[in-house]
Structure formats: structure tokens, C-alpha cells
């Protein structure tokens, strides 16, 4: 695997990347939240583990909305470092908080600076070439981003394999989760037509890494 871009300065905030755990969980560079051994922050590990278990049997997971009040309270608790029992939380709420966490990552999980690379890879004609190109772009991600991406794709694949109970196949999951993973620079300045195209492409991104 090529050297991680975490050493190349992609979307690094001064004084944060590689500095260990951060007080707040949301809105921080992922590298700043990971442990010195490169592991994902504990709340995210626990959340992913619960969704791995409960997601396949939860109808509409990642699609159905959770209570706005519950979502706000859980986010505030996690941001203040509270000891939250993830296993006691509804799966729909955990799915919603995971999407909110993904949206809050500065420069997004797939890194805004790599937006054109991702889009170019998606344009490849054959499935084999597309997968090869997507893997090549993935290797440019900071180590922490790549780790979470792999865990997330594993979770979504697991849920998609149980579409009979989750009612969420791969296409549905891509539509619900994909737009949280990547956006171009200055996305807020794009016209509506361009934003719709960006969302469509991001939702269709389902590589195997």
C-alpha cells in the first residue's frame, strides 16, 4: 500500500492531526480522534459494533429518521465525553448519529482534495478498471480515514446481505450514506443542478477496498 496521506498534509488542521484524542467527537479531523496506536475513537468502535449486530434486523436502517431530540442529546453526550452505553441505544438512532459524525469530519471521510480523483475513477468503463482505480485513490487517504472507510463498507455490505429483513439493499444504503462521505470544495456555491449530480455520483460510489 502506498504511504498514507496523513503524512502528506491532506486536510490537516494545525495542532490537531496526530495529537491523540480530542475533547469533542464531532467536527474534528479523524486523525486527531484516534489513539496513538491508530485505533478509531472508542465511541465509534462501539457504535459500529452495535450496528453490525442490530443493523441487519432493523428495517430501514440509515433511511428512517430518528428522534431529533434524542439525536441532539446523544451528540451532546458524546461531545462531552459521557460514558454512553451504545448497546442500550436504538439502532436507528445510532445509524443517524453515525451519519452525523461522517458529515462533521472536516474535508469529509473521502477527503475533498481527492474529489476529482474519485469522480475520475467512477468514470472508468469496466468494473475491473473502476475497482482498481478506486482502490488506488483509497490508498491516498489518511490512515484513519481508510480504517473507518473499511469498517463502514464492511458494515454496509453486511446489512445489504440481509436486505430481506433490513429492507436496505446496496443501492438504498448508497443513496442514504454516500452523500455523507464526499463533497467537492465550495459545494455550497454550486448551483442546484450541479449539487444533484454530485449527490448522485457520491451515492453510487460502492468500492471494495
C-alpha atoms as a PDB file:
ATOM      1  CA  UNK A   1       0.000   0.000   0.000  1.00  0.00           C
ATOM      2  CA  UNK A   2       1.233   3.497  -0.825  1.00  0.00           C
ATOM      3  CA  UNK A   3       2.264   5.768   2.067  1.00  0.00           C
ATOM      4  CA  UNK A   4      -0.675   7.283   3.859  1.00  0.00           C
ATOM      5  CA  UNK A   5      -1.628  10.843   3.022  1.00  0.00           C
ATOM      6  CA  UNK A   6      -1.882  11.515   6.742  1.00  0.00           C
ATOM      7  CA  UNK A   7       1.820  12.277   6.381  1.00  0.00           C
ATOM      8  CA  UNK A   8       1.225  14.356   3.277  1.00  0.00           C
ATOM      9  CA  UNK A   9      -0.923  17.021   4.879  1.00  0.00           C
ATOM     10  CA  UNK A  10      -4.327  16.336   3.293  1.00  0.00           C
ATOM     11  CA  UNK A  11      -6.882  18.446   5.150  1.00  0.00           C
ATOM     12  CA  UNK A  12      -4.806  18.652   8.292  1.00  0.00           C
ATOM     13  CA  UNK A  13      -5.770  21.223  10.890  1.00  0.00           C
ATOM     14  CA  UNK A  14      -2.808  22.821  12.691  1.00  0.00           C
ATOM     15  CA  UNK A  15      -2.138  21.305  16.082  1.00  0.00           C
ATOM     16  CA  UNK A  16      -4.786  18.586  15.726  1.00  0.00           C
ATOM     17  CA  UNK A  17      -3.754  15.765  13.375  1.00  0.00           C
ATOM     18  CA  UNK A  18      -1.876  13.072  15.239  1.00  0.00           C
ATOM     19  CA  UNK A  19      -2.357  14.791  18.594  1.00  0.00           C
ATOM     20  CA  UNK A  20      -4.304  11.954  20.231  1.00  0.00           C
ATOM     21  CA  UNK A  21      -7.886  12.026  21.457  1.00  0.00           C
ATOM     22  CA  UNK A  22      -9.767  15.290  21.134  1.00  0.00           C
ATOM     23  CA  UNK A  23     -12.303  16.528  23.677  1.00  0.00           C
ATOM     24  CA  UNK A  24     -15.113  16.900  21.140  1.00  0.00           C
ATOM     25  CA  UNK A  25     -16.063  13.963  18.924  1.00  0.00           C
ATOM     26  CA  UNK A  26     -17.823  15.865  16.148  1.00  0.00           C
ATOM     27  CA  UNK A  27     -16.227  18.313  13.735  1.00  0.00           C
ATOM     28  CA  UNK A  28     -12.672  17.119  14.407  1.00  0.00           C
ATOM     29  CA  UNK A  29     -10.102  15.682  11.967  1.00  0.00           C
ATOM     30  CA  UNK A  30     -10.349  11.918  12.275  1.00  0.00           C
ATOM     31  CA  UNK A  31      -6.622  11.548  12.939  1.00  0.00           C
ATOM     32  CA  UNK A  32      -6.975  13.826  15.980  1.00  0.00           C
ATOM     33  CA  UNK A  33      -9.573  11.474  17.466  1.00  0.00           C
ATOM     34  CA  UNK A  34      -7.671   8.228  17.033  1.00  0.00           C
ATOM     35  CA  UNK A  35      -5.487   6.663  19.666  1.00  0.00           C
ATOM     36  CA  UNK A  36      -1.710   6.587  19.445  1.00  0.00           C
ATOM     37  CA  UNK A  37      -1.984   3.047  18.093  1.00  0.00           C
ATOM     38  CA  UNK A  38      -4.171   4.302  15.222  1.00  0.00           C
ATOM     39  CA  UNK A  39      -7.427   2.837  16.523  1.00  0.00           C
ATOM     40  CA  UNK A  40     -10.743   4.560  15.930  1.00  0.00           C
ATOM     41  CA  UNK A  41     -12.252   6.528  18.834  1.00  0.00           C
ATOM     42  CA  UNK A  42     -13.906   4.174  21.328  1.00  0.00           C
ATOM     43  CA  UNK A  43     -17.464   5.521  20.908  1.00  0.00           C
ATOM     44  CA  UNK A  44     -17.280   4.964  17.141  1.00  0.00           C
ATOM     45  CA  UNK A  45     -15.924   1.435  17.614  1.00  0.00           C
ATOM     46  CA  UNK A  46     -18.764   0.605  19.995  1.00  0.00           C
ATOM     47  CA  UNK A  47     -21.366   2.210  17.727  1.00  0.00           C
ATOM     48  CA  UNK A  48     -20.148   0.230  14.703  1.00  0.00           C
ATOM     49  CA  UNK A  49     -20.184  -2.992  16.729  1.00  0.00           C
ATOM     50  CA  UNK A  50     -23.818  -2.480  17.767  1.00  0.00           C
ATOM     51  CA  UNK A  51     -24.864  -1.635  14.198  1.00  0.00           C
ATOM     52  CA  UNK A  52     -23.043  -4.736  12.950  1.00  0.00           C
ATOM     53  CA  UNK A  53     -25.268  -6.783  15.263  1.00  0.00           C
ATOM     54  CA  UNK A  54     -28.539  -4.879  15.096  1.00  0.00           C
ATOM     55  CA  UNK A  55     -28.411  -3.287  11.640  1.00  0.00           C
ATOM     56  CA  UNK A  56     -29.345  -6.347   9.555  1.00  0.00           C
ATOM     57  CA  UNK A  57     -32.593  -6.845  11.508  1.00  0.00           C
ATOM     58  CA  UNK A  58     -33.567  -3.167  11.695  1.00  0.00           C
ATOM     59  CA  UNK A  59     -35.948  -2.246   8.890  1.00  0.00           C
ATOM     60  CA  UNK A  60     -34.996   0.970   7.138  1.00  0.00           C
ATOM     61  CA  UNK A  61     -31.633   1.305   8.874  1.00  0.00           C
ATOM     62  CA  UNK A  62     -29.847   4.502   7.696  1.00  0.00           C
ATOM     63  CA  UNK A  63     -33.048   5.564   5.897  1.00  0.00           C
ATOM     64  CA  UNK A  64     -35.633   6.025   8.650  1.00  0.00           C
ATOM     65  CA  UNK A  65     -35.280   9.149  10.760  1.00  0.00           C
ATOM     66  CA  UNK A  66     -34.521   9.088  14.458  1.00  0.00           C
ATOM     67  CA  UNK A  67     -35.960  11.429  17.072  1.00  0.00           C
ATOM     68  CA  UNK A  68     -34.424  14.880  16.673  1.00  0.00           C
ATOM     69  CA  UNK A  69     -34.329  15.367  20.430  1.00  0.00           C
ATOM     70  CA  UNK A  70     -32.680  12.005  21.036  1.00  0.00           C
ATOM     71  CA  UNK A  71     -30.162  12.692  18.281  1.00  0.00           C
ATOM     72  CA  UNK A  72     -29.220  16.058  19.758  1.00  0.00           C
ATOM     73  CA  UNK A  73     -28.929  14.665  23.276  1.00  0.00           C
ATOM     74  CA  UNK A  74     -26.739  11.749  22.170  1.00  0.00           C
ATOM     75  CA  UNK A  75     -24.476  14.026  20.143  1.00  0.00           C
ATOM     76  CA  UNK A  76     -24.052  16.387  23.090  1.00  0.00           C
ATOM     77  CA  UNK A  77     -23.300  13.482  25.425  1.00  0.00           C
ATOM     78  CA  UNK A  78     -20.651  12.084  23.080  1.00  0.00           C
ATOM     79  CA  UNK A  79     -19.145  15.517  22.511  1.00  0.00           C
ATOM     80  CA  UNK A  80     -18.770  15.962  26.282  1.00  0.00           C
ATOM     81  CA  UNK A  81     -17.110  12.583  26.724  1.00  0.00           C
ATOM     82  CA  UNK A  82     -20.015  10.976  28.578  1.00  0.00           C
ATOM     83  CA  UNK A  83     -19.917   7.210  29.070  1.00  0.00           C
ATOM     84  CA  UNK A  84     -22.740   6.151  26.746  1.00  0.00           C
ATOM     85  CA  UNK A  85     -23.989   2.557  26.709  1.00  0.00           C
ATOM     86  CA  UNK A  86     -24.275   2.095  22.935  1.00  0.00           C
ATOM     87  CA  UNK A  87     -25.945  -1.269  23.345  1.00  0.00           C
ATOM     88  CA  UNK A  88     -28.939   0.368  25.017  1.00  0.00           C
ATOM     89  CA  UNK A  89     -29.470   2.876  22.190  1.00  0.00           C
ATOM     90  CA  UNK A  90     -31.949   2.237  19.330  1.00  0.00           C
ATOM     91  CA  UNK A  91     -30.200   1.114  16.144  1.00  0.00           C
ATOM     92  CA  UNK A  92     -31.951   3.832  14.125  1.00  0.00           C
ATOM     93  CA  UNK A  93     -30.542   6.461  16.476  1.00  0.00           C
ATOM     94  CA  UNK A  94     -27.026   5.036  16.202  1.00  0.00           C
ATOM     95  CA  UNK A  95     -27.288   4.989  12.408  1.00  0.00           C
ATOM     96  CA  UNK A  96     -28.368   8.628  12.434  1.00  0.00           C
ATOM     97  CA  UNK A  97     -25.537   9.652  14.763  1.00  0.00           C
ATOM     98  CA  UNK A  98     -23.033   7.816  12.565  1.00  0.00           C
ATOM     99  CA  UNK A  99     -24.206   9.765   9.517  1.00  0.00           C
ATOM    100  CA  UNK A 100     -23.957  12.988  11.506  1.00  0.00           C
ATOM    101  CA  UNK A 101     -20.438  12.073  12.585  1.00  0.00           C
ATOM    102  CA  UNK A 102     -19.450  11.380   8.967  1.00  0.00           C
ATOM    103  CA  UNK A 103     -20.905  14.707   7.852  1.00  0.00           C
ATOM    104  CA  UNK A 104     -18.955  16.530  10.555  1.00  0.00           C
ATOM    105  CA  UNK A 105     -15.498  15.291   9.524  1.00  0.00           C
ATOM    106  CA  UNK A 106     -13.580  18.261   8.089  1.00  0.00           C
ATOM    107  CA  UNK A 107     -12.935  17.657   4.383  1.00  0.00           C
ATOM    108  CA  UNK A 108     -15.154  14.536   4.643  1.00  0.00           C
ATOM    109  CA  UNK A 109     -14.128  10.905   5.090  1.00  0.00           C
ATOM    110  CA  UNK A 110     -13.083  10.540   1.434  1.00  0.00           C
ATOM    111  CA  UNK A 111     -11.220  13.902   1.516  1.00  0.00           C
ATOM    112  CA  UNK A 112     -12.424  16.843  -0.534  1.00  0.00           C
ATOM    113  CA  UNK A 113      -8.982  17.280  -2.113  1.00  0.00           C
ATOM    114  CA  UNK A 114      -9.399  13.852  -3.721  1.00  0.00           C
ATOM    115  CA  UNK A 115     -12.847  14.632  -5.128  1.00  0.00           C
ATOM    116  CA  UNK A 116     -11.711  14.802  -8.751  1.00  0.00           C
ATOM    117  CA  UNK A 117      -9.762  11.541  -8.348  1.00  0.00           C
ATOM    118  CA  UNK A 118     -12.842   9.742  -7.017  1.00  0.00           C
ATOM    119  CA  UNK A 119     -15.017  11.110  -9.811  1.00  0.00           C
ATOM    120  CA  UNK A 120     -12.466  10.144 -12.477  1.00  0.00           C
ATOM    121  CA  UNK A 121     -12.306   6.608 -11.075  1.00  0.00           C
ATOM    122  CA  UNK A 122     -16.093   6.364 -11.233  1.00  0.00           C
ATOM    123  CA  UNK A 123     -15.993   7.171 -14.953  1.00  0.00           C
ATOM    124  CA  UNK A 124     -13.940   4.096 -15.874  1.00  0.00           C
ATOM    125  CA  UNK A 125     -15.771   1.893 -18.352  1.00  0.00           C
ATOM    126  CA  UNK A 126     -15.157  -1.597 -16.994  1.00  0.00           C
ATOM    127  CA  UNK A 127     -15.963  -2.793 -13.490  1.00  0.00           C
ATOM    128  CA  UNK A 128     -12.445  -4.176 -13.033  1.00  0.00           C
ATOM    129  CA  UNK A 129     -10.767  -0.926 -14.040  1.00  0.00           C
ATOM    130  CA  UNK A 130     -13.150   1.059 -11.858  1.00  0.00           C
ATOM    131  CA  UNK A 131     -12.374  -1.077  -8.800  1.00  0.00           C
ATOM    132  CA  UNK A 132      -8.628  -0.840  -9.444  1.00  0.00           C
ATOM    133  CA  UNK A 133      -8.796   2.956  -9.748  1.00  0.00           C
ATOM    134  CA  UNK A 134     -10.984   3.306  -6.645  1.00  0.00           C
ATOM    135  CA  UNK A 135      -8.529   1.251  -4.627  1.00  0.00           C
ATOM    136  CA  UNK A 136      -5.681   3.419  -5.895  1.00  0.00           C
ATOM    137  CA  UNK A 137      -7.473   6.567  -4.728  1.00  0.00           C
ATOM    138  CA  UNK A 138      -8.332   4.937  -1.398  1.00  0.00           C
ATOM    139  CA  UNK A 139      -4.631   4.366  -0.766  1.00  0.00           C
ATOM    140  CA  UNK A 140      -4.158   8.155  -0.829  1.00  0.00           C
ATOM    141  CA  UNK A 141      -6.448   8.580   2.181  1.00  0.00           C
ATOM    142  CA  UNK A 142      -5.040   9.307   5.644  1.00  0.00           C
ATOM    143  CA  UNK A 143      -4.660   6.079   7.611  1.00  0.00           C
ATOM    144  CA  UNK A 144      -7.513   6.920   9.999  1.00  0.00           C
ATOM    145  CA  UNK A 145      -9.886   7.706   7.131  1.00  0.00           C
ATOM    146  CA  UNK A 146      -9.039   4.471   5.342  1.00  0.00           C
ATOM    147  CA  UNK A 147      -9.580   2.471   8.526  1.00  0.00           C
ATOM    148  CA  UNK A 148     -13.039   3.944   9.111  1.00  0.00           C
ATOM    149  CA  UNK A 149     -13.893   3.552   5.424  1.00  0.00           C
ATOM    150  CA  UNK A 150     -13.091  -0.155   5.549  1.00  0.00           C
ATOM    151  CA  UNK A 151     -15.143  -0.623   8.728  1.00  0.00           C
ATOM    152  CA  UNK A 152     -18.045   1.319   7.231  1.00  0.00           C
ATOM    153  CA  UNK A 153     -18.035  -0.617   3.953  1.00  0.00           C
ATOM    154  CA  UNK A 154     -17.909  -3.892   5.860  1.00  0.00           C
ATOM    155  CA  UNK A 155     -20.930  -2.815   7.901  1.00  0.00           C
ATOM    156  CA  UNK A 156     -22.917  -1.694   4.855  1.00  0.00           C
ATOM    157  CA  UNK A 157     -22.080  -4.877   2.978  1.00  0.00           C
ATOM    158  CA  UNK A 158     -23.230  -6.930   5.972  1.00  0.00           C
ATOM    159  CA  UNK A 159     -26.529  -5.051   6.169  1.00  0.00           C
ATOM    160  CA  UNK A 160     -27.001  -5.264   2.405  1.00  0.00           C
ATOM    161  CA  UNK A 161     -26.650  -9.044   2.539  1.00  0.00           C
ATOM    162  CA  UNK A 162     -29.656  -9.089   4.883  1.00  0.00           C
ATOM    163  CA  UNK A 163     -31.914  -6.921   2.763  1.00  0.00           C
ATOM    164  CA  UNK A 164     -34.807  -9.320   3.355  1.00  0.00           C
ATOM    165  CA  UNK A 165     -35.014  -8.077   6.942  1.00  0.00           C
ATOM    166  CA  UNK A 166     -33.354  -4.646   6.771  1.00  0.00           C
ATOM    167  CA  UNK A 167     -35.187  -3.664   3.567  1.00  0.00           C
ATOM    168  CA  UNK A 168     -31.947  -1.907   2.675  1.00  0.00           C
ATOM    169  CA  UNK A 169     -30.078  -3.239  -0.336  1.00  0.00           C
ATOM    170  CA  UNK A 170     -26.733  -1.870  -1.504  1.00  0.00           C
ATOM    171  CA  UNK A 171     -28.349   0.780  -3.713  1.00  0.00           C
ATOM    172  CA  UNK A 172     -30.554   2.066  -0.881  1.00  0.00           C
ATOM    173  CA  UNK A 173     -27.620   2.164   1.508  1.00  0.00           C
ATOM    174  CA  UNK A 174     -25.504   4.047  -1.042  1.00  0.00           C
ATOM    175  CA  UNK A 175     -28.216   6.665  -1.503  1.00  0.00           C
ATOM    176  CA  UNK A 176     -28.594   7.161   2.261  1.00  0.00           C
ATOM    177  CA  UNK A 177     -24.919   7.072   3.281  1.00  0.00           C
ATOM    178  CA  UNK A 178     -22.937   8.039   0.164  1.00  0.00           C
ATOM    179  CA  UNK A 179     -23.593  11.805   0.201  1.00  0.00           C
ATOM    180  CA  UNK A 180     -22.131  11.999   3.729  1.00  0.00           C
ATOM    181  CA  UNK A 181     -18.762  10.689   2.556  1.00  0.00           C
ATOM    182  CA  UNK A 182     -17.616  13.163  -0.075  1.00  0.00           C
ATOM    183  CA  UNK A 183     -18.288  16.625  -1.433  1.00  0.00           C
ATOM    184  CA  UNK A 184     -16.348  18.969  -3.719  1.00  0.00           C
ATOM    185  CA  UNK A 185     -14.663  22.082  -2.447  1.00  0.00           C
ATOM    186  CA  UNK A 186     -17.048  25.029  -2.156  1.00  0.00           C
ATOM    187  CA  UNK A 187     -20.051  22.709  -2.512  1.00  0.00           C
ATOM    188  CA  UNK A 188     -22.261  25.401  -1.020  1.00  0.00           C
ATOM    189  CA  UNK A 189     -21.564  27.573  -4.061  1.00  0.00           C
ATOM    190  CA  UNK A 190     -22.672  25.001  -6.639  1.00  0.00           C
ATOM    191  CA  UNK A 191     -25.958  25.509  -8.496  1.00  0.00           C
ATOM    192  CA  UNK A 192     -28.782  23.082  -7.752  1.00  0.00           C
ATOM    193  CA  UNK A 193     -28.225  21.032 -10.917  1.00  0.00           C
ATOM    194  CA  UNK A 194     -24.549  20.517 -10.095  1.00  0.00           C
ATOM    195  CA  UNK A 195     -25.332  19.554  -6.496  1.00  0.00           C
ATOM    196  CA  UNK A 196     -27.801  16.929  -7.675  1.00  0.00           C
ATOM    197  CA  UNK A 197     -25.136  15.460  -9.947  1.00  0.00           C
ATOM    198  CA  UNK A 198     -22.594  15.405  -7.117  1.00  0.00           C
ATOM    199  CA  UNK A 199     -25.070  13.663  -4.802  1.00  0.00           C
ATOM    200  CA  UNK A 200     -25.907  11.100  -7.478  1.00  0.00           C
ATOM    201  CA  UNK A 201     -22.245  10.237  -8.045  1.00  0.00           C
ATOM    202  CA  UNK A 202     -21.419  10.086  -4.345  1.00  0.00           C
ATOM    203  CA  UNK A 203     -24.400   7.849  -3.700  1.00  0.00           C
ATOM    204  CA  UNK A 204     -23.304   5.478  -6.444  1.00  0.00           C
ATOM    205  CA  UNK A 205     -19.813   5.025  -5.019  1.00  0.00           C
ATOM    206  CA  UNK A 206     -19.556   1.465  -3.704  1.00  0.00           C
ATOM    207  CA  UNK A 207     -15.947   0.272  -3.982  1.00  0.00           C
ATOM    208  CA  UNK A 208     -14.355  -2.840  -2.493  1.00  0.00           C
ATOM    209  CA  UNK A 209     -11.261  -1.860  -0.563  1.00  0.00           C
END
